[in-house]
């Protein structure tokens, strides 16, 4: 028997040393260790969505999975919550409209399963730097919650570089910023 060794970072979660077929929150420690995480999360590009047959403890089940273009980013299994997040972010319920788009993946620690707090992977809107030829884009109603979060985190000036809210949207966003600041 031939045994080879590889050095490991002992500060990483034990699950990072196991073979995985799907993306899990423990992988974010590796992305952070590699310097791939930003304060917004891991930026990924959606490559495809496929329905996979998964066998677990002898039971086969079909599950949708999101595939990414980026190297070393495993497919992410999708449930209703994640589908709804993607629909809100991309303002479309159709997966065909999501392909080629970028989004941040991040860990939300407050996610529960049953009564146990387990944390989970969530999506965050990716805001491109405004292209001078296109200028700021309008904010769709489904995108307002993400635009508000962005403005609270980065400020109204940063939001206005990327988006052109209506007067009513701007008032709603400014009210949300004021409320968040207390």
N, C-alpha and C. Protein backbone atom coordinates (compact mmCIF):
# COMPACT_ATOMS: atom_id res chain seq x y z
N UNK A 1 0.84 -1.18 0.00
CA UNK A 1 0.00 0.00 0.00
C UNK A 1 0.89 1.24 0.00
N UNK A 2 0.55 2.18 -0.87
CA UNK A 2 1.30 3.43 -0.97
C UNK A 2 0.50 4.53 -0.29
N UNK A 3 1.15 5.27 0.58
CA UNK A 3 0.51 6.36 1.30
C UNK A 3 1.25 7.65 0.98
N UNK A 4 0.49 8.66 0.59
CA UNK A 4 1.09 9.98 0.38
C UNK A 4 0.51 10.94 1.39
N UNK A 5 1.24 11.95 1.71
CA UNK A 5 0.76 12.93 2.69
C UNK A 5 0.68 14.30 2.04
N UNK A 6 -0.19 15.09 2.57
CA UNK A 6 -0.34 16.48 2.14
C UNK A 6 -0.53 17.32 3.39
N UNK A 7 0.05 18.51 3.38
CA UNK A 7 -0.13 19.35 4.56
C UNK A 7 -1.54 19.92 4.56
N UNK A 8 -2.07 20.12 5.75
CA UNK A 8 -3.41 20.66 5.91
C UNK A 8 -3.36 21.83 6.88
N UNK A 9 -4.36 22.67 6.78
CA UNK A 9 -4.48 23.77 7.73
C UNK A 9 -5.33 23.28 8.90
N UNK A 10 -4.74 23.09 10.06
CA UNK A 10 -5.49 22.53 11.19
C UNK A 10 -6.56 23.45 11.74
N UNK A 11 -6.63 24.68 11.26
CA UNK A 11 -7.66 25.61 11.74
C UNK A 11 -8.97 25.49 10.96
N UNK A 12 -8.97 24.70 9.88
CA UNK A 12 -10.18 24.56 9.06
C UNK A 12 -11.11 23.51 9.64
N UNK A 13 -12.38 23.64 9.34
CA UNK A 13 -13.41 22.69 9.77
C UNK A 13 -13.05 21.29 9.29
N UNK A 14 -13.32 20.28 10.08
CA UNK A 14 -12.96 18.90 9.71
C UNK A 14 -13.61 18.45 8.42
N UNK A 15 -14.78 18.99 8.08
CA UNK A 15 -15.46 18.57 6.85
C UNK A 15 -14.70 18.97 5.60
N UNK A 16 -13.80 19.96 5.72
CA UNK A 16 -13.03 20.38 4.54
C UNK A 16 -12.05 19.30 4.11
N UNK A 17 -11.76 18.33 4.97
CA UNK A 17 -10.83 17.26 4.63
C UNK A 17 -11.53 16.06 3.99
N UNK A 18 -12.86 16.07 3.98
CA UNK A 18 -13.64 14.96 3.42
C UNK A 18 -13.97 15.25 1.96
N UNK A 19 -14.19 14.20 1.18
CA UNK A 19 -14.63 14.35 -0.20
C UNK A 19 -16.06 14.87 -0.22
N UNK A 20 -16.32 15.88 -1.01
CA UNK A 20 -17.67 16.44 -1.13
C UNK A 20 -18.08 16.48 -2.58
N UNK A 21 -19.35 16.24 -2.83
CA UNK A 21 -19.88 16.37 -4.18
C UNK A 21 -20.62 17.68 -4.35
N UNK A 22 -21.01 18.30 -3.21
CA UNK A 22 -21.80 19.52 -3.25
C UNK A 22 -21.21 20.57 -2.32
N UNK A 23 -21.50 21.82 -2.63
CA UNK A 23 -21.00 22.94 -1.85
C UNK A 23 -21.67 22.97 -0.48
N UNK A 24 -20.86 23.15 0.56
CA UNK A 24 -21.35 23.26 1.92
C UNK A 24 -20.75 24.48 2.58
N UNK A 25 -21.34 24.89 3.68
CA UNK A 25 -20.84 26.11 4.34
C UNK A 25 -19.39 25.96 4.82
N UNK A 26 -18.97 24.72 5.10
CA UNK A 26 -17.58 24.51 5.53
C UNK A 26 -16.56 24.87 4.44
N UNK A 27 -16.97 24.83 3.18
CA UNK A 27 -16.06 25.19 2.09
C UNK A 27 -15.66 26.67 2.14
N UNK A 28 -16.46 27.49 2.79
CA UNK A 28 -16.16 28.92 2.85
C UNK A 28 -14.89 29.18 3.65
N UNK A 29 -14.56 28.29 4.57
CA UNK A 29 -13.29 28.42 5.30
C UNK A 29 -12.12 28.25 4.34
N UNK A 30 -12.25 27.32 3.40
CA UNK A 30 -11.20 27.11 2.40
C UNK A 30 -11.10 28.32 1.48
N UNK A 31 -12.25 28.83 1.01
CA UNK A 31 -12.24 30.02 0.15
C UNK A 31 -11.59 31.20 0.87
N UNK A 32 -11.89 31.35 2.15
CA UNK A 32 -11.29 32.42 2.95
C UNK A 32 -9.79 32.20 3.07
N UNK A 33 -9.38 30.96 3.34
CA UNK A 33 -7.97 30.61 3.46
C UNK A 33 -7.23 30.91 2.16
N UNK A 34 -7.90 30.74 1.02
CA UNK A 34 -7.30 31.00 -0.29
C UNK A 34 -7.39 32.48 -0.69
N UNK A 35 -8.04 33.30 0.14
CA UNK A 35 -8.18 34.72 -0.16
C UNK A 35 -9.25 35.02 -1.20
N UNK A 36 -10.20 34.11 -1.40
CA UNK A 36 -11.23 34.30 -2.43
C UNK A 36 -12.49 34.97 -1.90
N UNK A 37 -12.62 35.11 -0.59
CA UNK A 37 -13.81 35.74 -0.02
C UNK A 37 -13.63 37.23 0.10
N UNK A 38 -14.70 37.97 -0.20
CA UNK A 38 -14.72 39.40 0.07
C UNK A 38 -15.70 39.62 1.21
N UNK A 39 -15.88 40.86 1.62
CA UNK A 39 -16.84 41.12 2.70
C UNK A 39 -18.27 40.78 2.27
N UNK A 40 -18.51 40.72 0.95
CA UNK A 40 -19.84 40.36 0.44
C UNK A 40 -20.03 38.85 0.31
N UNK A 41 -18.96 38.10 0.31
CA UNK A 41 -19.03 36.66 0.14
C UNK A 41 -18.16 36.20 -1.02
N UNK A 42 -18.53 35.08 -1.61
CA UNK A 42 -17.80 34.51 -2.73
C UNK A 42 -18.54 34.85 -4.02
N UNK A 43 -17.87 35.56 -4.93
CA UNK A 43 -18.49 35.94 -6.19
C UNK A 43 -18.41 34.76 -7.16
N UNK A 44 -19.57 34.34 -7.66
CA UNK A 44 -19.64 33.21 -8.59
C UNK A 44 -20.49 33.59 -9.80
N UNK A 45 -20.28 32.84 -10.88
CA UNK A 45 -21.05 33.02 -12.11
C UNK A 45 -21.87 31.76 -12.33
N UNK A 46 -23.16 31.92 -12.52
CA UNK A 46 -24.04 30.77 -12.70
C UNK A 46 -23.81 30.19 -14.09
N UNK A 47 -23.46 28.91 -14.12
CA UNK A 47 -23.19 28.22 -15.38
C UNK A 47 -24.42 27.45 -15.87
N UNK A 48 -25.07 26.75 -14.94
CA UNK A 48 -26.19 25.91 -15.35
C UNK A 48 -26.99 25.48 -14.12
N UNK A 49 -28.20 25.02 -14.37
CA UNK A 49 -29.04 24.43 -13.33
C UNK A 49 -29.50 23.08 -13.87
N UNK A 50 -29.25 22.04 -13.08
CA UNK A 50 -29.62 20.69 -13.51
C UNK A 50 -30.35 19.98 -12.38
N UNK A 51 -31.17 19.03 -12.76
CA UNK A 51 -31.84 18.18 -11.78
C UNK A 51 -31.01 16.90 -11.67
N UNK A 52 -30.53 16.61 -10.47
CA UNK A 52 -29.67 15.46 -10.23
C UNK A 52 -30.42 14.38 -9.47
N UNK A 53 -30.06 13.14 -9.71
CA UNK A 53 -30.58 12.03 -8.92
C UNK A 53 -29.55 11.74 -7.85
N UNK A 54 -29.96 11.88 -6.61
CA UNK A 54 -29.06 11.71 -5.47
C UNK A 54 -29.53 10.51 -4.66
N UNK A 55 -28.58 9.66 -4.33
CA UNK A 55 -28.90 8.49 -3.52
C UNK A 55 -28.35 8.71 -2.12
N UNK A 56 -29.24 8.65 -1.13
CA UNK A 56 -28.82 8.84 0.26
C UNK A 56 -29.46 7.75 1.11
N UNK A 57 -28.61 6.93 1.69
CA UNK A 57 -29.07 5.80 2.53
C UNK A 57 -30.06 4.91 1.77
N UNK A 58 -29.73 4.64 0.50
CA UNK A 58 -30.54 3.73 -0.29
C UNK A 58 -31.79 4.34 -0.91
N UNK A 59 -32.05 5.61 -0.66
CA UNK A 59 -33.23 6.27 -1.21
C UNK A 59 -32.78 7.25 -2.29
N UNK A 60 -33.33 7.10 -3.49
CA UNK A 60 -33.01 8.03 -4.57
C UNK A 60 -33.99 9.19 -4.58
N UNK A 61 -33.45 10.36 -4.83
CA UNK A 61 -34.26 11.57 -4.84
C UNK A 61 -33.73 12.51 -5.91
N UNK A 62 -34.63 13.20 -6.60
CA UNK A 62 -34.21 14.18 -7.61
C UNK A 62 -34.16 15.55 -6.94
N UNK A 63 -33.01 16.22 -7.11
CA UNK A 63 -32.82 17.53 -6.50
C UNK A 63 -32.21 18.48 -7.53
N UNK A 64 -32.66 19.73 -7.56
CA UNK A 64 -32.04 20.71 -8.45
C UNK A 64 -30.72 21.20 -7.85
N UNK A 65 -29.76 21.44 -8.74
CA UNK A 65 -28.45 21.93 -8.30
C UNK A 65 -27.98 23.04 -9.23
N UNK A 66 -27.31 24.02 -8.65
CA UNK A 66 -26.76 25.15 -9.37
C UNK A 66 -25.28 24.89 -9.61
N UNK A 67 -24.83 25.02 -10.85
CA UNK A 67 -23.43 24.82 -11.19
C UNK A 67 -22.81 26.18 -11.50
N UNK A 68 -21.51 26.30 -11.17
CA UNK A 68 -20.81 27.58 -11.32
C UNK A 68 -19.62 27.45 -12.26
N UNK A 69 -19.24 28.55 -12.89
CA UNK A 69 -18.11 28.57 -13.82
C UNK A 69 -16.77 28.55 -13.10
N UNK A 70 -16.74 29.02 -11.87
CA UNK A 70 -15.48 29.19 -11.16
C UNK A 70 -14.86 27.85 -10.75
N UNK A 71 -13.55 27.80 -10.85
CA UNK A 71 -12.77 26.62 -10.49
C UNK A 71 -12.93 26.29 -9.01
N UNK A 72 -13.08 25.04 -8.69
CA UNK A 72 -13.17 24.53 -7.32
C UNK A 72 -14.45 24.90 -6.58
N UNK A 73 -15.46 25.42 -7.25
CA UNK A 73 -16.72 25.70 -6.59
C UNK A 73 -17.69 24.59 -6.98
N UNK A 74 -18.02 23.75 -6.01
CA UNK A 74 -18.89 22.60 -6.25
C UNK A 74 -20.33 23.04 -6.51
N UNK A 75 -21.14 22.17 -7.10
CA UNK A 75 -22.56 22.50 -7.29
C UNK A 75 -23.26 22.73 -5.95
N UNK A 76 -24.27 23.57 -5.95
CA UNK A 76 -25.04 23.89 -4.76
C UNK A 76 -26.46 23.36 -4.93
N UNK A 77 -26.89 22.51 -3.99
CA UNK A 77 -28.25 22.01 -4.03
C UNK A 77 -29.22 23.14 -3.71
N UNK A 78 -30.34 23.16 -4.41
CA UNK A 78 -31.31 24.25 -4.26
C UNK A 78 -32.61 23.76 -3.65
N UNK A 79 -33.16 24.58 -2.78
CA UNK A 79 -34.49 24.37 -2.22
C UNK A 79 -35.32 25.61 -2.52
N UNK A 80 -36.52 25.62 -2.02
CA UNK A 80 -37.45 26.72 -2.29
C UNK A 80 -36.88 28.08 -1.90
N UNK A 81 -36.29 28.17 -0.72
CA UNK A 81 -35.74 29.45 -0.24
C UNK A 81 -34.68 30.00 -1.20
N UNK A 82 -33.78 29.14 -1.64
CA UNK A 82 -32.73 29.60 -2.55
C UNK A 82 -33.31 29.99 -3.91
N UNK A 83 -34.28 29.22 -4.41
CA UNK A 83 -34.93 29.60 -5.67
C UNK A 83 -35.59 30.98 -5.54
N UNK A 84 -36.27 31.23 -4.42
CA UNK A 84 -36.94 32.51 -4.22
C UNK A 84 -35.93 33.65 -4.14
N UNK A 85 -34.79 33.40 -3.51
CA UNK A 85 -33.75 34.44 -3.46
C UNK A 85 -33.25 34.77 -4.86
N UNK A 86 -32.98 33.75 -5.67
CA UNK A 86 -32.51 33.98 -7.03
C UNK A 86 -33.56 34.72 -7.86
N UNK A 87 -34.82 34.37 -7.70
CA UNK A 87 -35.89 35.06 -8.42
C UNK A 87 -35.93 36.54 -8.04
N UNK A 88 -35.77 36.84 -6.75
CA UNK A 88 -35.76 38.24 -6.29
C UNK A 88 -34.56 38.99 -6.86
N UNK A 89 -33.41 38.38 -6.79
CA UNK A 89 -32.18 39.04 -7.23
C UNK A 89 -32.21 39.33 -8.73
N UNK A 90 -32.61 38.33 -9.52
CA UNK A 90 -32.56 38.47 -10.98
C UNK A 90 -33.89 38.94 -11.58
N UNK A 91 -34.90 39.17 -10.75
CA UNK A 91 -36.20 39.68 -11.18
C UNK A 91 -36.83 38.79 -12.26
N UNK A 92 -36.62 37.49 -12.11
CA UNK A 92 -37.22 36.54 -13.06
C UNK A 92 -37.36 35.19 -12.38
N UNK A 93 -38.51 34.53 -12.57
CA UNK A 93 -38.67 33.18 -12.02
C UNK A 93 -38.09 32.10 -12.92
N UNK A 94 -37.53 32.50 -14.07
CA UNK A 94 -37.04 31.54 -15.06
C UNK A 94 -35.53 31.35 -14.95
N UNK A 95 -35.13 30.11 -14.70
CA UNK A 95 -33.71 29.79 -14.52
C UNK A 95 -32.88 30.14 -15.75
N UNK A 96 -33.49 30.11 -16.93
CA UNK A 96 -32.75 30.46 -18.16
C UNK A 96 -32.23 31.90 -18.09
N UNK A 97 -32.92 32.76 -17.34
CA UNK A 97 -32.51 34.17 -17.22
C UNK A 97 -31.36 34.35 -16.24
N UNK A 98 -31.04 33.33 -15.48
CA UNK A 98 -29.99 33.43 -14.46
C UNK A 98 -28.63 33.01 -14.98
N UNK A 99 -28.61 32.22 -16.05
CA UNK A 99 -27.34 31.70 -16.58
C UNK A 99 -26.43 32.84 -17.02
N UNK A 100 -25.16 32.73 -16.64
CA UNK A 100 -24.18 33.75 -16.99
C UNK A 100 -24.17 34.94 -16.06
N UNK A 101 -25.11 35.00 -15.13
CA UNK A 101 -25.18 36.12 -14.18
C UNK A 101 -24.30 35.83 -12.96
N UNK A 102 -23.86 36.90 -12.34
CA UNK A 102 -23.03 36.75 -11.15
C UNK A 102 -23.82 37.06 -9.89
N UNK A 103 -23.43 36.39 -8.82
CA UNK A 103 -24.09 36.55 -7.53
C UNK A 103 -23.06 36.20 -6.45
N UNK A 104 -23.24 36.77 -5.28
CA UNK A 104 -22.39 36.41 -4.14
C UNK A 104 -23.04 35.28 -3.36
N UNK A 105 -22.23 34.34 -2.91
CA UNK A 105 -22.66 33.32 -1.97
C UNK A 105 -22.09 33.71 -0.61
N UNK A 106 -22.89 33.59 0.44
CA UNK A 106 -22.40 33.90 1.78
C UNK A 106 -23.09 32.99 2.78
N UNK A 107 -22.57 32.96 3.98
CA UNK A 107 -23.13 32.14 5.05
C UNK A 107 -24.05 33.00 5.91
N UNK A 108 -25.28 32.54 6.05
CA UNK A 108 -26.22 33.18 6.98
C UNK A 108 -26.31 32.27 8.20
N UNK A 109 -25.85 32.75 9.32
CA UNK A 109 -25.76 31.91 10.52
C UNK A 109 -27.10 31.65 11.19
N UNK A 110 -28.11 32.46 10.92
CA UNK A 110 -29.40 32.32 11.58
C UNK A 110 -30.34 31.28 10.98
N UNK A 111 -29.89 30.55 9.96
CA UNK A 111 -30.75 29.56 9.32
C UNK A 111 -30.98 28.38 10.27
N UNK A 112 -32.24 27.96 10.37
CA UNK A 112 -32.57 26.83 11.25
C UNK A 112 -33.09 25.65 10.43
N UNK A 113 -32.89 24.47 10.98
CA UNK A 113 -33.45 23.24 10.42
C UNK A 113 -34.16 22.57 11.58
N UNK A 114 -35.50 22.53 11.49
CA UNK A 114 -36.27 22.10 12.66
C UNK A 114 -36.12 23.17 13.72
N UNK A 115 -35.68 22.77 14.90
CA UNK A 115 -35.46 23.75 15.98
C UNK A 115 -33.98 24.07 16.17
N UNK A 116 -33.13 23.44 15.35
CA UNK A 116 -31.69 23.61 15.51
C UNK A 116 -31.16 24.68 14.55
N UNK A 117 -30.36 25.59 15.08
CA UNK A 117 -29.74 26.62 14.26
C UNK A 117 -28.52 26.00 13.59
N UNK A 118 -28.54 25.93 12.26
CA UNK A 118 -27.48 25.24 11.53
C UNK A 118 -26.69 26.15 10.58
N UNK A 119 -27.23 27.29 10.26
CA UNK A 119 -26.59 28.16 9.28
C UNK A 119 -26.83 27.63 7.88
N UNK A 120 -26.61 28.45 6.88
CA UNK A 120 -26.83 28.00 5.51
C UNK A 120 -26.24 28.97 4.51
N UNK A 121 -26.12 28.49 3.29
CA UNK A 121 -25.58 29.31 2.20
C UNK A 121 -26.74 30.11 1.60
N UNK A 122 -26.51 31.39 1.42
CA UNK A 122 -27.50 32.27 0.85
C UNK A 122 -26.87 33.07 -0.29
N UNK A 123 -27.71 33.78 -1.05
CA UNK A 123 -27.27 34.59 -2.17
C UNK A 123 -27.37 36.07 -1.82
N UNK A 124 -26.47 36.83 -2.38
CA UNK A 124 -26.51 38.29 -2.25
C UNK A 124 -26.32 38.87 -3.65
N UNK A 125 -27.04 39.93 -3.93
CA UNK A 125 -26.97 40.58 -5.23
C UNK A 125 -25.56 41.08 -5.51
N UNK A 126 -25.09 40.84 -6.72
CA UNK A 126 -23.81 41.38 -7.18
C UNK A 126 -24.13 42.66 -7.94
N UNK A 127 -23.47 43.73 -7.55
CA UNK A 127 -23.69 45.02 -8.21
C UNK A 127 -22.46 45.33 -9.02
N UNK A 128 -22.62 45.38 -10.35
CA UNK A 128 -21.51 45.70 -11.23
C UNK A 128 -21.19 47.18 -11.13
N UNK A 129 -19.94 47.50 -11.40
CA UNK A 129 -19.57 48.91 -11.50
C UNK A 129 -20.29 49.47 -12.72
N UNK A 130 -20.90 50.61 -12.53
CA UNK A 130 -21.69 51.19 -13.63
C UNK A 130 -20.81 51.43 -14.85
N UNK A 131 -21.26 50.96 -15.97
CA UNK A 131 -20.57 51.18 -17.24
C UNK A 131 -20.93 52.59 -17.71
N UNK A 132 -19.93 53.38 -18.06
CA UNK A 132 -20.20 54.78 -18.43
C UNK A 132 -21.16 54.90 -19.60
N UNK A 133 -21.12 53.94 -20.52
CA UNK A 133 -22.02 54.03 -21.67
C UNK A 133 -23.46 53.70 -21.28
N UNK A 134 -23.62 52.85 -20.28
CA UNK A 134 -24.98 52.47 -19.87
C UNK A 134 -25.50 53.32 -18.73
N UNK A 135 -24.62 53.75 -17.84
CA UNK A 135 -25.03 54.53 -16.70
C UNK A 135 -25.78 53.70 -15.67
N UNK A 136 -26.26 54.35 -14.61
CA UNK A 136 -27.00 53.64 -13.57
C UNK A 136 -28.28 53.01 -14.11
N UNK A 137 -28.64 51.89 -13.52
CA UNK A 137 -29.82 51.13 -13.95
C UNK A 137 -30.97 51.38 -12.99
N UNK A 138 -32.22 51.27 -13.48
CA UNK A 138 -33.37 51.41 -12.58
C UNK A 138 -33.44 50.22 -11.61
N UNK A 139 -34.09 50.42 -10.49
CA UNK A 139 -34.27 49.37 -9.50
C UNK A 139 -35.65 48.76 -9.69
N UNK A 140 -35.70 47.46 -9.95
CA UNK A 140 -36.98 46.78 -10.06
C UNK A 140 -37.56 46.57 -8.67
N UNK A 141 -38.86 46.48 -8.56
CA UNK A 141 -39.52 46.33 -7.26
C UNK A 141 -39.05 45.08 -6.52
N UNK A 142 -38.83 43.99 -7.25
CA UNK A 142 -38.37 42.75 -6.60
C UNK A 142 -36.95 42.89 -6.08
N UNK A 143 -36.21 43.85 -6.62
CA UNK A 143 -34.81 44.06 -6.23
C UNK A 143 -34.67 45.07 -5.08
N UNK A 144 -35.75 45.72 -4.70
CA UNK A 144 -35.69 46.76 -3.67
C UNK A 144 -35.08 46.27 -2.35
N UNK A 145 -35.46 45.08 -1.83
CA UNK A 145 -34.86 44.66 -0.56
C UNK A 145 -33.33 44.56 -0.63
N UNK A 146 -32.81 44.05 -1.75
CA UNK A 146 -31.37 43.95 -1.91
C UNK A 146 -30.73 45.33 -2.09
N UNK A 147 -31.42 46.23 -2.79
CA UNK A 147 -30.92 47.59 -2.97
C UNK A 147 -30.86 48.31 -1.63
N UNK A 148 -31.85 48.10 -0.79
CA UNK A 148 -31.87 48.71 0.55
C UNK A 148 -30.70 48.17 1.38
N UNK A 149 -30.50 46.85 1.36
CA UNK A 149 -29.37 46.26 2.10
C UNK A 149 -28.05 46.84 1.62
N UNK A 150 -27.92 46.95 0.28
CA UNK A 150 -26.70 47.51 -0.30
C UNK A 150 -26.49 48.94 0.18
N UNK A 151 -27.54 49.76 0.15
CA UNK A 151 -27.43 51.17 0.56
C UNK A 151 -27.12 51.29 2.04
N UNK A 152 -27.69 50.43 2.87
CA UNK A 152 -27.39 50.47 4.30
C UNK A 152 -25.92 50.13 4.54
N UNK A 153 -25.42 49.14 3.80
CA UNK A 153 -24.03 48.71 3.98
C UNK A 153 -23.02 49.69 3.37
N UNK A 154 -23.33 50.21 2.17
CA UNK A 154 -22.34 51.01 1.44
C UNK A 154 -22.67 52.50 1.36
N UNK A 155 -23.93 52.85 1.65
CA UNK A 155 -24.33 54.25 1.59
C UNK A 155 -25.08 54.59 0.31
N UNK A 156 -25.82 55.66 0.38
CA UNK A 156 -26.66 56.09 -0.74
C UNK A 156 -25.82 56.49 -1.94
N UNK A 157 -24.68 57.15 -1.72
CA UNK A 157 -23.83 57.57 -2.84
C UNK A 157 -23.35 56.37 -3.64
N UNK A 158 -22.96 55.29 -2.95
CA UNK A 158 -22.50 54.08 -3.64
C UNK A 158 -23.64 53.46 -4.45
N UNK A 159 -24.84 53.46 -3.88
CA UNK A 159 -26.00 52.92 -4.59
C UNK A 159 -26.28 53.71 -5.86
N UNK A 160 -26.20 55.04 -5.77
CA UNK A 160 -26.52 55.89 -6.91
C UNK A 160 -25.50 55.77 -8.05
N UNK A 161 -24.32 55.24 -7.76
CA UNK A 161 -23.34 54.99 -8.82
C UNK A 161 -23.79 53.83 -9.71
N UNK A 162 -24.58 52.94 -9.15
CA UNK A 162 -24.99 51.73 -9.86
C UNK A 162 -26.45 51.74 -10.30
N UNK A 163 -27.29 52.44 -9.52
CA UNK A 163 -28.72 52.39 -9.77
C UNK A 163 -29.33 53.78 -9.78
N UNK A 164 -30.44 53.88 -10.49
CA UNK A 164 -31.18 55.13 -10.57
C UNK A 164 -32.58 54.89 -10.00
N UNK A 165 -32.72 55.06 -8.67
CA UNK A 165 -34.04 54.83 -8.07
C UNK A 165 -35.01 55.96 -8.42
N UNK A 166 -36.29 55.63 -8.42
CA UNK A 166 -37.31 56.65 -8.59
C UNK A 166 -37.29 57.52 -7.33
N UNK A 167 -37.98 58.65 -7.36
CA UNK A 167 -38.04 59.53 -6.19
C UNK A 167 -38.62 58.78 -4.98
N UNK A 168 -39.67 57.99 -5.21
CA UNK A 168 -40.29 57.22 -4.12
C UNK A 168 -39.33 56.16 -3.58
N UNK A 169 -38.63 55.46 -4.50
CA UNK A 169 -37.66 54.45 -4.06
C UNK A 169 -36.54 55.09 -3.26
N UNK A 170 -36.08 56.26 -3.71
CA UNK A 170 -35.00 56.95 -3.01
C UNK A 170 -35.45 57.32 -1.59
N UNK A 171 -36.68 57.78 -1.43
CA UNK A 171 -37.19 58.12 -0.10
C UNK A 171 -37.28 56.87 0.77
N UNK A 172 -37.77 55.77 0.20
CA UNK A 172 -37.87 54.50 0.93
C UNK A 172 -36.50 54.03 1.39
N UNK A 173 -35.51 54.13 0.50
CA UNK A 173 -34.14 53.70 0.83
C UNK A 173 -33.54 54.61 1.91
N UNK A 174 -33.73 55.92 1.78
CA UNK A 174 -33.20 56.85 2.78
C UNK A 174 -33.84 56.62 4.15
N UNK A 175 -35.14 56.33 4.16
CA UNK A 175 -35.83 56.02 5.42
C UNK A 175 -35.26 54.75 6.05
N UNK A 176 -34.99 53.73 5.21
CA UNK A 176 -34.42 52.47 5.70
C UNK A 176 -33.02 52.68 6.27
N UNK A 177 -32.23 53.53 5.62
CA UNK A 177 -30.87 53.84 6.11
C UNK A 177 -30.96 54.53 7.46
N UNK A 178 -31.85 55.51 7.58
CA UNK A 178 -32.02 56.25 8.83
C UNK A 178 -32.48 55.31 9.95
N UNK A 179 -33.41 54.43 9.63
CA UNK A 179 -33.91 53.47 10.63
C UNK A 179 -32.80 52.51 11.07
N UNK A 180 -31.98 52.08 10.12
CA UNK A 180 -30.88 51.14 10.44
C UNK A 180 -29.83 51.80 11.34
N UNK A 181 -29.62 53.10 11.14
CA UNK A 181 -28.64 53.82 11.94
C UNK A 181 -29.19 54.18 13.31
N UNK A 182 -30.53 54.05 13.46
CA UNK A 182 -31.16 54.26 14.76
C UNK A 182 -31.36 55.67 15.04
